[in-house]
Amino acid sequence: MIGRRLLQKCVLRIRIRLQPRIGGGELTHVCASHHSMYGRISSSWEITKTEISLKVEIPLNTTAIDRNINN
């Protein structure tokens, strides 16, 4: 009735690799972000005397690949 039809179903796959380099010198924390065409990508890490914390934000419908921080 409205003259439309789906010609091709296309699924876009976005993969983001997480591979922080924690430590190094006197750094105790780092944060960075990037505004991609799919949304915000951000990561940060912090070292305290008792723990290491990692925070990540990725856009919807994306996949993040976690790399061991020791590799």
C-alpha atoms as a PDB file:
ATOM      1  CA  MET A   1       0.000   0.000   0.000  1.00  0.00           C
ATOM      2  CA  ILE A   2       2.723   2.518   0.856  1.00  0.00           C
ATOM      3  CA  GLY A   3       5.181   1.353  -1.789  1.00  0.00           C
ATOM      4  CA  ARG A   4       8.093   0.298   0.417  1.00  0.00           C
ATOM      5  CA  ARG A   5       9.902  -2.979   0.820  1.00  0.00           C
ATOM      6  CA  LEU A   6      13.061  -4.134   2.479  1.00  0.00           C
ATOM      7  CA  LEU A   7      15.675  -4.726  -0.204  1.00  0.00           C
ATOM      8  CA  GLN A   8      18.497  -5.965   1.993  1.00  0.00           C
ATOM      9  CA  LYS A   9      18.769  -6.585   5.685  1.00  0.00           C
ATOM     10  CA  CYS A  10      22.074  -5.182   6.880  1.00  0.00           C
ATOM     11  CA  VAL A  11      23.471  -5.673  10.367  1.00  0.00           C
ATOM     12  CA  LEU A  12      26.315  -3.400  11.360  1.00  0.00           C
ATOM     13  CA  ARG A  13      28.816  -4.895  13.801  1.00  0.00           C
ATOM     14  CA  ILE A  14      30.969  -2.525  15.819  1.00  0.00           C
ATOM     15  CA  ARG A  15      33.763  -4.028  17.907  1.00  0.00           C
ATOM     16  CA  ILE A  16      35.915  -2.091  20.353  1.00  0.00           C
ATOM     17  CA  ARG A  17      39.128  -3.514  21.811  1.00  0.00           C
ATOM     18  CA  LEU A  18      39.914  -2.639  25.427  1.00  0.00           C
ATOM     19  CA  GLN A  19      43.601  -2.890  26.165  1.00  0.00           C
ATOM     20  CA  PRO A  20      44.595  -0.449  28.892  1.00  0.00           C
ATOM     21  CA  ARG A  21      48.223   0.012  29.830  1.00  0.00           C
ATOM     22  CA  ILE A  22      47.884   0.386  33.553  1.00  0.00           C
ATOM     23  CA  GLY A  23      50.677   1.862  35.620  1.00  0.00           C
ATOM     24  CA  GLY A  24      53.871   3.220  34.262  1.00  0.00           C
ATOM     25  CA  GLY A  25      55.910   5.708  36.162  1.00  0.00           C
ATOM     26  CA  GLU A  26      54.016   7.715  38.726  1.00  0.00           C
ATOM     27  CA  LEU A  27      50.581   7.546  37.089  1.00  0.00           C
ATOM     28  CA  THR A  28      47.813   6.482  39.449  1.00  0.00           C
ATOM     29  CA  HIS A  29      44.816   7.229  37.212  1.00  0.00           C
ATOM     30  CA  VAL A  30      43.947   7.930  33.578  1.00  0.00           C
ATOM     31  CA  CYS A  31      40.683   8.731  31.793  1.00  0.00           C
ATOM     32  CA  ALA A  32      39.841   9.400  28.156  1.00  0.00           C
ATOM     33  CA  SER A  33      36.802   9.494  25.892  1.00  0.00           C
ATOM     34  CA  HIS A  34      35.983   9.672  22.218  1.00  0.00           C
ATOM     35  CA  HIS A  35      32.707  10.671  20.567  1.00  0.00           C
ATOM     36  CA  SER A  36      32.313   8.287  17.631  1.00  0.00           C
ATOM     37  CA  MET A  37      29.507   8.391  15.092  1.00  0.00           C
ATOM     38  CA  TYR A  38      27.867   5.549  17.083  1.00  0.00           C
ATOM     39  CA  GLY A  39      28.138   7.151  20.522  1.00  0.00           C
ATOM     40  CA  ARG A  40      30.557   7.854  23.320  1.00  0.00           C
ATOM     41  CA  ILE A  41      33.460   5.492  24.014  1.00  0.00           C
ATOM     42  CA  SER A  42      35.263   6.088  27.290  1.00  0.00           C
ATOM     43  CA  SER A  43      37.549   4.271  29.661  1.00  0.00           C
ATOM     44  CA  SER A  44      39.390   5.069  32.848  1.00  0.00           C
ATOM     45  CA  TRP A  45      41.529   3.234  35.348  1.00  0.00           C
ATOM     46  CA  GLU A  46      42.774   3.992  38.834  1.00  0.00           C
ATOM     47  CA  ILE A  47      45.347   2.331  41.080  1.00  0.00           C
ATOM     48  CA  THR A  48      45.085   2.527  44.854  1.00  0.00           C
ATOM     49  CA  LYS A  49      47.101   0.730  47.511  1.00  0.00           C
ATOM     50  CA  THR A  50      44.585  -2.130  47.573  1.00  0.00           C
ATOM     51  CA  GLU A  51      42.982  -2.360  44.120  1.00  0.00           C
ATOM     52  CA  ILE A  52      42.923  -1.514  40.438  1.00  0.00           C
ATOM     53  CA  SER A  53      39.607  -0.320  39.019  1.00  0.00           C
ATOM     54  CA  LEU A  54      38.651  -0.083  35.351  1.00  0.00           C
ATOM     55  CA  LYS A  55      35.506   1.687  34.086  1.00  0.00           C
ATOM     56  CA  VAL A  56      34.327   1.497  30.481  1.00  0.00           C
ATOM     57  CA  GLU A  57      31.427   3.038  28.539  1.00  0.00           C
ATOM     58  CA  ILE A  58      30.567   1.908  25.003  1.00  0.00           C
ATOM     59  CA  PRO A  59      27.668   2.777  22.666  1.00  0.00           C
ATOM     60  CA  LEU A  60      24.563   0.615  22.432  1.00  0.00           C
ATOM     61  CA  ASN A  61      24.701  -2.297  19.984  1.00  0.00           C
ATOM     62  CA  THR A  62      28.492  -2.546  20.139  1.00  0.00           C
ATOM     63  CA  THR A  63      30.770  -5.250  21.475  1.00  0.00           C
ATOM     64  CA  ALA A  64      33.803  -4.641  23.656  1.00  0.00           C
ATOM     65  CA  ILE A  65      36.695  -7.089  23.557  1.00  0.00           C
ATOM     66  CA  ASP A  66      38.520  -7.231  26.872  1.00  0.00           C
ATOM     67  CA  ARG A  67      42.249  -7.853  26.655  1.00  0.00           C
ATOM     68  CA  ASN A  68      44.063  -9.048  29.734  1.00  0.00           C
ATOM     69  CA  ILE A  69      45.889  -6.043  31.191  1.00  0.00           C
ATOM     70  CA  ASN A  70      49.036  -8.122  31.603  1.00  0.00           C
ATOM     71  CA  ASN A  71      49.379  -8.869  27.843  1.00  0.00           C
END
